[in-house]
């Protein structure tokens, strides 16, 4: 017996789109998503402005920002 332990299982995280387990390792090019499809669904949601990053209140009327 050589004492070599098997490699650890890759970390799994819930896919942000469908919540199925997704491998979070370099072997998954779509990480943190489970598939290219879920990755595309998420990108489409950003493109359609389904997700928004809020700005601090009052930035619309800030005269110090360039037009």
PDB file of N, CA and C in Angstrom:
ATOM      1  N   UNK A   1       0.846  -1.185   0.000  1.00  0.00           N
ATOM      2  CA  UNK A   1       0.000   0.000   0.000  1.00  0.00           C
ATOM      3  C   UNK A   1       0.885   1.240   0.000  1.00  0.00           C
ATOM      4  N   UNK A   2       0.610   2.169  -0.890  1.00  0.00           N
ATOM      5  CA  UNK A   2       1.467   3.346  -1.035  1.00  0.00           C
ATOM      6  C   UNK A   2       1.000   4.525  -0.204  1.00  0.00           C
ATOM      7  N   UNK A   3      -0.218   4.515   0.297  1.00  0.00           N
ATOM      8  CA  UNK A   3      -0.699   5.611   1.137  1.00  0.00           C
ATOM      9  C   UNK A   3      -1.206   6.820   0.375  1.00  0.00           C
ATOM     10  N   UNK A   4      -1.402   6.691  -0.924  1.00  0.00           N
ATOM     11  CA  UNK A   4      -1.917   7.816  -1.707  1.00  0.00           C
ATOM     12  C   UNK A   4      -3.430   7.901  -1.549  1.00  0.00           C
ATOM     13  N   UNK A   5      -3.902   9.057  -1.183  1.00  0.00           N
ATOM     14  CA  UNK A   5      -5.341   9.281  -1.053  1.00  0.00           C
ATOM     15  C   UNK A   5      -5.907   9.661  -2.417  1.00  0.00           C
ATOM     16  N   UNK A   6      -7.139   9.276  -2.698  1.00  0.00           N
ATOM     17  CA  UNK A   6      -7.745   9.695  -3.974  1.00  0.00           C
ATOM     18  C   UNK A   6      -7.904  11.215  -3.996  1.00  0.00           C
ATOM     19  N   UNK A   7      -7.898  11.802  -5.185  1.00  0.00           N
ATOM     20  CA  UNK A   7      -8.059  13.266  -5.253  1.00  0.00           C
ATOM     21  C   UNK A   7      -9.412  13.674  -4.673  1.00  0.00           C
ATOM     22  N   UNK A   8      -9.471  14.833  -4.051  1.00  0.00           N
ATOM     23  CA  UNK A   8     -10.749  15.276  -3.473  1.00  0.00           C
ATOM     24  C   UNK A   8     -11.785  15.533  -4.560  1.00  0.00           C
ATOM     25  N   UNK A   9     -13.029  15.344  -4.191  1.00  0.00           N
ATOM     26  CA  UNK A   9     -14.123  15.631  -5.121  1.00  0.00           C
ATOM     27  C   UNK A   9     -14.140  17.130  -5.412  1.00  0.00           C
ATOM     28  N   UNK A  10     -14.433  17.518  -6.645  1.00  0.00           N
ATOM     29  CA  UNK A  10     -14.517  18.955  -6.935  1.00  0.00           C
ATOM     30  C   UNK A  10     -15.666  19.598  -6.167  1.00  0.00           C
ATOM     31  N   UNK A  11     -15.486  20.842  -5.822  1.00  0.00           N
ATOM     32  CA  UNK A  11     -16.520  21.589  -5.105  1.00  0.00           C
ATOM     33  C   UNK A  11     -17.739  21.769  -6.002  1.00  0.00           C
ATOM     34  N   UNK A  12     -18.912  21.603  -5.429  1.00  0.00           N
ATOM     35  CA  UNK A  12     -20.166  21.812  -6.160  1.00  0.00           C
ATOM     36  C   UNK A  12     -20.915  22.971  -5.522  1.00  0.00           C
ATOM     37  N   UNK A  13     -21.438  23.841  -6.367  1.00  0.00           N
ATOM     38  CA  UNK A  13     -22.216  24.997  -5.915  1.00  0.00           C
ATOM     39  C   UNK A  13     -23.530  25.010  -6.673  1.00  0.00           C
ATOM     40  N   UNK A  14     -24.571  25.629  -6.121  1.00  0.00           N
ATOM     41  CA  UNK A  14     -25.831  25.708  -6.875  1.00  0.00           C
ATOM     42  C   UNK A  14     -25.684  26.648  -8.072  1.00  0.00           C
ATOM     43  N   UNK A  15     -26.170  26.224  -9.204  1.00  0.00           N
ATOM     44  CA  UNK A  15     -26.165  27.066 -10.404  1.00  0.00           C
ATOM     45  C   UNK A  15     -27.025  28.296 -10.123  1.00  0.00           C
ATOM     46  N   UNK A  16     -26.527  29.506 -10.398  1.00  0.00           N
ATOM     47  CA  UNK A  16     -27.318  30.706 -10.135  1.00  0.00           C
ATOM     48  C   UNK A  16     -28.627  30.774 -10.930  1.00  0.00           C
ATOM     49  N   UNK A  17     -28.705  30.059 -12.049  1.00  0.00           N
ATOM     50  CA  UNK A  17     -29.889  30.117 -12.888  1.00  0.00           C
ATOM     51  C   UNK A  17     -30.920  29.049 -12.527  1.00  0.00           C
ATOM     52  N   UNK A  18     -30.498  27.789 -12.479  1.00  0.00           N
ATOM     53  CA  UNK A  18     -31.463  26.696 -12.281  1.00  0.00           C
ATOM     54  C   UNK A  18     -31.336  26.011 -10.928  1.00  0.00           C
ATOM     55  N   UNK A  19     -30.336  26.375 -10.156  1.00  0.00           N
ATOM     56  CA  UNK A  19     -30.098  25.838  -8.804  1.00  0.00           C
ATOM     57  C   UNK A  19     -29.627  24.392  -8.767  1.00  0.00           C
ATOM     58  N   UNK A  20     -29.375  23.754  -9.917  1.00  0.00           N
ATOM     59  CA  UNK A  20     -28.808  22.399  -9.914  1.00  0.00           C
ATOM     60  C   UNK A  20     -27.343  22.483  -9.504  1.00  0.00           C
ATOM     61  N   UNK A  21     -26.776  21.387  -8.979  1.00  0.00           N
ATOM     62  CA  UNK A  21     -25.356  21.407  -8.600  1.00  0.00           C
ATOM     63  C   UNK A  21     -24.465  21.636  -9.819  1.00  0.00           C
ATOM     64  N   UNK A  22     -23.504  22.502  -9.677  1.00  0.00           N
ATOM     65  CA  UNK A  22     -22.549  22.795 -10.744  1.00  0.00           C
ATOM     66  C   UNK A  22     -21.142  22.637 -10.192  1.00  0.00           C
ATOM     67  N   UNK A  23     -20.271  21.999 -10.962  1.00  0.00           N
ATOM     68  CA  UNK A  23     -18.885  21.821 -10.542  1.00  0.00           C
ATOM     69  C   UNK A  23     -18.179  23.171 -10.620  1.00  0.00           C
ATOM     70  N   UNK A  24     -17.601  23.580  -9.500  1.00  0.00           N
ATOM     71  CA  UNK A  24     -16.868  24.850  -9.462  1.00  0.00           C
ATOM     72  C   UNK A  24     -15.378  24.529  -9.515  1.00  0.00           C
ATOM     73  N   UNK A  25     -14.915  24.265 -10.729  1.00  0.00           N
ATOM     74  CA  UNK A  25     -13.519  23.890 -10.954  1.00  0.00           C
ATOM     75  C   UNK A  25     -13.151  24.273 -12.386  1.00  0.00           C
ATOM     76  N   UNK A  26     -11.855  24.365 -12.677  1.00  0.00           N
ATOM     77  CA  UNK A  26     -11.437  24.700 -14.044  1.00  0.00           C
ATOM     78  C   UNK A  26     -11.970  23.732 -15.105  1.00  0.00           C
ATOM     79  N   UNK A  27     -12.362  22.524 -14.696  1.00  0.00           N
ATOM     80  CA  UNK A  27     -12.903  21.564 -15.665  1.00  0.00           C
ATOM     81  C   UNK A  27     -14.280  21.973 -16.181  1.00  0.00           C
ATOM     82  N   UNK A  28     -14.938  22.933 -15.512  1.00  0.00           N
ATOM     83  CA  UNK A  28     -16.254  23.424 -15.952  1.00  0.00           C
ATOM     84  C   UNK A  28     -16.079  24.825 -16.529  1.00  0.00           C
ATOM     85  N   UNK A  29     -16.014  24.959 -17.852  1.00  0.00           N
ATOM     86  CA  UNK A  29     -15.795  26.290 -18.450  1.00  0.00           C
ATOM     87  C   UNK A  29     -16.958  27.255 -18.249  1.00  0.00           C
ATOM     88  N   UNK A  30     -18.122  26.755 -17.826  1.00  0.00           N
ATOM     89  CA  UNK A  30     -19.283  27.620 -17.603  1.00  0.00           C
ATOM     90  C   UNK A  30     -19.435  28.046 -16.153  1.00  0.00           C
ATOM     91  N   UNK A  31     -18.488  27.663 -15.283  1.00  0.00           N
ATOM     92  CA  UNK A  31     -18.646  27.948 -13.849  1.00  0.00           C
ATOM     93  C   UNK A  31     -18.890  29.412 -13.602  1.00  0.00           C
ATOM     94  N   UNK A  32     -19.735  29.805 -12.708  1.00  0.00           N
ATOM     95  CA  UNK A  32     -20.405  29.019 -11.689  1.00  0.00           C
ATOM     96  C   UNK A  32     -21.706  28.372 -12.173  1.00  0.00           C
ATOM     97  N   UNK A  33     -21.984  28.441 -13.461  1.00  0.00           N
ATOM     98  CA  UNK A  33     -23.208  27.867 -14.009  1.00  0.00           C
ATOM     99  C   UNK A  33     -23.009  26.388 -14.312  1.00  0.00           C
ATOM    100  N   UNK A  34     -24.102  25.646 -14.406  1.00  0.00           N
ATOM    101  CA  UNK A  34     -24.000  24.210 -14.674  1.00  0.00           C
ATOM    102  C   UNK A  34     -23.812  23.924 -16.162  1.00  0.00           C
ATOM    103  N   UNK A  35     -24.186  24.878 -17.021  1.00  0.00           N
ATOM    104  CA  UNK A  35     -24.097  24.637 -18.460  1.00  0.00           C
ATOM    105  C   UNK A  35     -23.978  25.960 -19.208  1.00  0.00           C
ATOM    106  N   UNK A  36     -23.637  25.841 -20.477  1.00  0.00           N
ATOM    107  CA  UNK A  36     -23.569  27.022 -21.345  1.00  0.00           C
ATOM    108  C   UNK A  36     -24.954  27.652 -21.491  1.00  0.00           C
ATOM    109  N   UNK A  37     -26.000  26.819 -21.492  1.00  0.00           N
ATOM    110  CA  UNK A  37     -27.370  27.331 -21.590  1.00  0.00           C
ATOM    111  C   UNK A  37     -27.696  28.245 -20.418  1.00  0.00           C
ATOM    112  N   UNK A  38     -27.421  27.787 -19.195  1.00  0.00           N
ATOM    113  CA  UNK A  38     -27.710  28.618 -18.020  1.00  0.00           C
ATOM    114  C   UNK A  38     -26.870  29.890 -18.024  1.00  0.00           C
ATOM    115  N   UNK A  39     -25.657  29.782 -18.505  1.00  0.00           N
ATOM    116  CA  UNK A  39     -24.795  30.964 -18.612  1.00  0.00           C
ATOM    117  C   UNK A  39     -25.412  31.984 -19.575  1.00  0.00           C
ATOM    118  N   UNK A  40     -25.940  31.501 -20.704  1.00  0.00           N
ATOM    119  CA  UNK A  40     -26.577  32.374 -21.680  1.00  0.00           C
ATOM    120  C   UNK A  40     -27.870  32.987 -21.165  1.00  0.00           C
ATOM    121  N   UNK A  41     -28.633  32.216 -20.393  1.00  0.00           N
ATOM    122  CA  UNK A  41     -29.877  32.738 -19.806  1.00  0.00           C
ATOM    123  C   UNK A  41     -29.539  33.907 -18.881  1.00  0.00           C
ATOM    124  N   UNK A  42     -28.507  33.751 -18.069  1.00  0.00           N
ATOM    125  CA  UNK A  42     -28.099  34.811 -17.148  1.00  0.00           C
ATOM    126  C   UNK A  42     -27.620  36.050 -17.916  1.00  0.00           C
ATOM    127  N   UNK A  43     -26.823  35.845 -18.952  1.00  0.00           N
ATOM    128  CA  UNK A  43     -26.347  36.973 -19.760  1.00  0.00           C
ATOM    129  C   UNK A  43     -27.523  37.711 -20.396  1.00  0.00           C
ATOM    130  N   UNK A  44     -28.507  36.962 -20.887  1.00  0.00           N
ATOM    131  CA  UNK A  44     -29.698  37.576 -21.475  1.00  0.00           C
ATOM    132  C   UNK A  44     -30.485  38.395 -20.467  1.00  0.00           C
ATOM    133  N   UNK A  45     -30.545  37.916 -19.231  1.00  0.00           N
ATOM    134  CA  UNK A  45     -31.252  38.669 -18.187  1.00  0.00           C
ATOM    135  C   UNK A  45     -30.560  40.002 -17.923  1.00  0.00           C
ATOM    136  N   UNK A  46     -29.224  39.991 -17.905  1.00  0.00           N
ATOM    137  CA  UNK A  46     -28.497  41.264 -17.738  1.00  0.00           C
ATOM    138  C   UNK A  46     -28.737  42.182 -18.939  1.00  0.00           C
ATOM    139  N   UNK A  47     -28.702  41.608 -20.149  1.00  0.00           N
ATOM    140  CA  UNK A  47     -28.887  42.416 -21.365  1.00  0.00           C
ATOM    141  C   UNK A  47     -30.285  43.023 -21.428  1.00  0.00           C
ATOM    142  N   UNK A  48     -31.285  42.312 -20.902  1.00  0.00           N
ATOM    143  CA  UNK A  48     -32.662  42.819 -20.894  1.00  0.00           C
ATOM    144  C   UNK A  48     -32.969  43.678 -19.675  1.00  0.00           C
ATOM    145  N   UNK A  49     -31.942  43.950 -18.883  1.00  0.00           N
ATOM    146  CA  UNK A  49     -32.060  44.761 -17.666  1.00  0.00           C
ATOM    147  C   UNK A  49     -32.998  44.145 -16.639  1.00  0.00           C
ATOM    148  N   UNK A  50     -33.062  42.809 -16.613  1.00  0.00           N
ATOM    149  CA  UNK A  50     -33.822  42.131 -15.562  1.00  0.00           C
ATOM    150  C   UNK A  50     -33.112  42.269 -14.223  1.00  0.00           C
ATOM    151  N   UNK A  51     -31.789  42.361 -14.267  1.00  0.00           N
ATOM    152  CA  UNK A  51     -30.989  42.610 -13.071  1.00  0.00           C
ATOM    153  C   UNK A  51     -30.556  44.062 -13.103  1.00  0.00           C
ATOM    154  N   UNK A  52     -30.489  44.669 -11.954  1.00  0.00           N
ATOM    155  CA  UNK A  52     -30.051  46.067 -11.886  1.00  0.00           C
ATOM    156  C   UNK A  52     -29.135  46.254 -10.694  1.00  0.00           C
ATOM    157  N   UNK A  53     -28.166  47.119 -10.862  1.00  0.00           N
ATOM    158  CA  UNK A  53     -27.291  47.512  -9.772  1.00  0.00           C
ATOM    159  C   UNK A  53     -27.732  48.907  -9.377  1.00  0.00           C
ATOM    160  N   UNK A  54     -28.182  49.038  -8.133  1.00  0.00           N
ATOM    161  CA  UNK A  54     -28.708  50.327  -7.698  1.00  0.00           C
ATOM    162  C   UNK A  54     -27.592  51.338  -7.498  1.00  0.00           C
ATOM    163  N   UNK A  55     -27.887  52.573  -7.850  1.00  0.00           N
ATOM    164  CA  UNK A  55     -26.970  53.688  -7.627  1.00  0.00           C
ATOM    165  C   UNK A  55     -27.433  54.433  -6.384  1.00  0.00           C
ATOM    166  N   UNK A  56     -26.529  55.133  -5.746  1.00  0.00           N
ATOM    167  CA  UNK A  56     -26.954  55.935  -4.584  1.00  0.00           C
ATOM    168  C   UNK A  56     -28.022  56.939  -5.000  1.00  0.00           C
ATOM    169  N   UNK A  57     -28.968  57.277  -4.122  1.00  0.00           N
ATOM    170  CA  UNK A  57     -30.020  58.233  -4.466  1.00  0.00           C
ATOM    171  C   UNK A  57     -29.434  59.583  -4.876  1.00  0.00           C
ATOM    172  N   UNK A  58     -30.083  60.211  -5.830  1.00  0.00           N
ATOM    173  CA  UNK A  58     -29.709  61.565  -6.223  1.00  0.00           C
ATOM    174  C   UNK A  58     -28.682  61.657  -7.338  1.00  0.00           C
ATOM    175  N   UNK A  59     -28.236  60.557  -7.885  1.00  0.00           N
ATOM    176  CA  UNK A  59     -27.221  60.633  -8.944  1.00  0.00           C
ATOM    177  C   UNK A  59     -27.786  61.175 -10.247  1.00  0.00           C
ATOM    178  N   UNK A  60     -29.103  61.070 -10.466  1.00  0.00           N
ATOM    179  CA  UNK A  60     -29.690  61.561 -11.712  1.00  0.00           C
ATOM    180  C   UNK A  60     -29.559  63.068 -11.843  1.00  0.00           C
ATOM    181  N   UNK A  61     -29.562  63.779 -10.731  1.00  0.00           N
ATOM    182  CA  UNK A  61     -29.517  65.246 -10.762  1.00  0.00           C
ATOM    183  C   UNK A  61     -28.165  65.785 -10.303  1.00  0.00           C
ATOM    184  N   UNK A  62     -27.133  64.992 -10.345  1.00  0.00           N
ATOM    185  CA  UNK A  62     -25.805  65.410  -9.896  1.00  0.00           C
ATOM    186  C   UNK A  62     -25.121  66.209 -11.011  1.00  0.00           C
ATOM    187  N   UNK A  63     -24.958  67.514 -10.795  1.00  0.00           N
ATOM    188  CA  UNK A  63     -24.345  68.383 -11.812  1.00  0.00           C
ATOM    189  C   UNK A  63     -22.845  68.188 -11.934  1.00  0.00           C
ATOM    190  N   UNK A  64     -22.219  67.472 -11.016  1.00  0.00           N
ATOM    191  CA  UNK A  64     -20.777  67.274 -11.100  1.00  0.00           C
ATOM    192  C   UNK A  64     -20.412  66.117 -12.024  1.00  0.00           C
ATOM    193  N   UNK A  65     -21.383  65.330 -12.446  1.00  0.00           N
ATOM    194  CA  UNK A  65     -21.106  64.229 -13.363  1.00  0.00           C
ATOM    195  C   UNK A  65     -21.123  64.724 -14.806  1.00  0.00           C
ATOM    196  N   UNK A  66     -20.239  64.190 -15.654  1.00  0.00           N
ATOM    197  CA  UNK A  66     -20.249  64.605 -17.061  1.00  0.00           C
ATOM    198  C   UNK A  66     -21.528  64.143 -17.747  1.00  0.00           C
ATOM    199  N   UNK A  67     -21.956  64.895 -18.774  1.00  0.00           N
ATOM    200  CA  UNK A  67     -23.172  64.547 -19.513  1.00  0.00           C
ATOM    201  C   UNK A  67     -22.938  63.434 -20.497  1.00  0.00           C
TER     202      UNK A  67
END
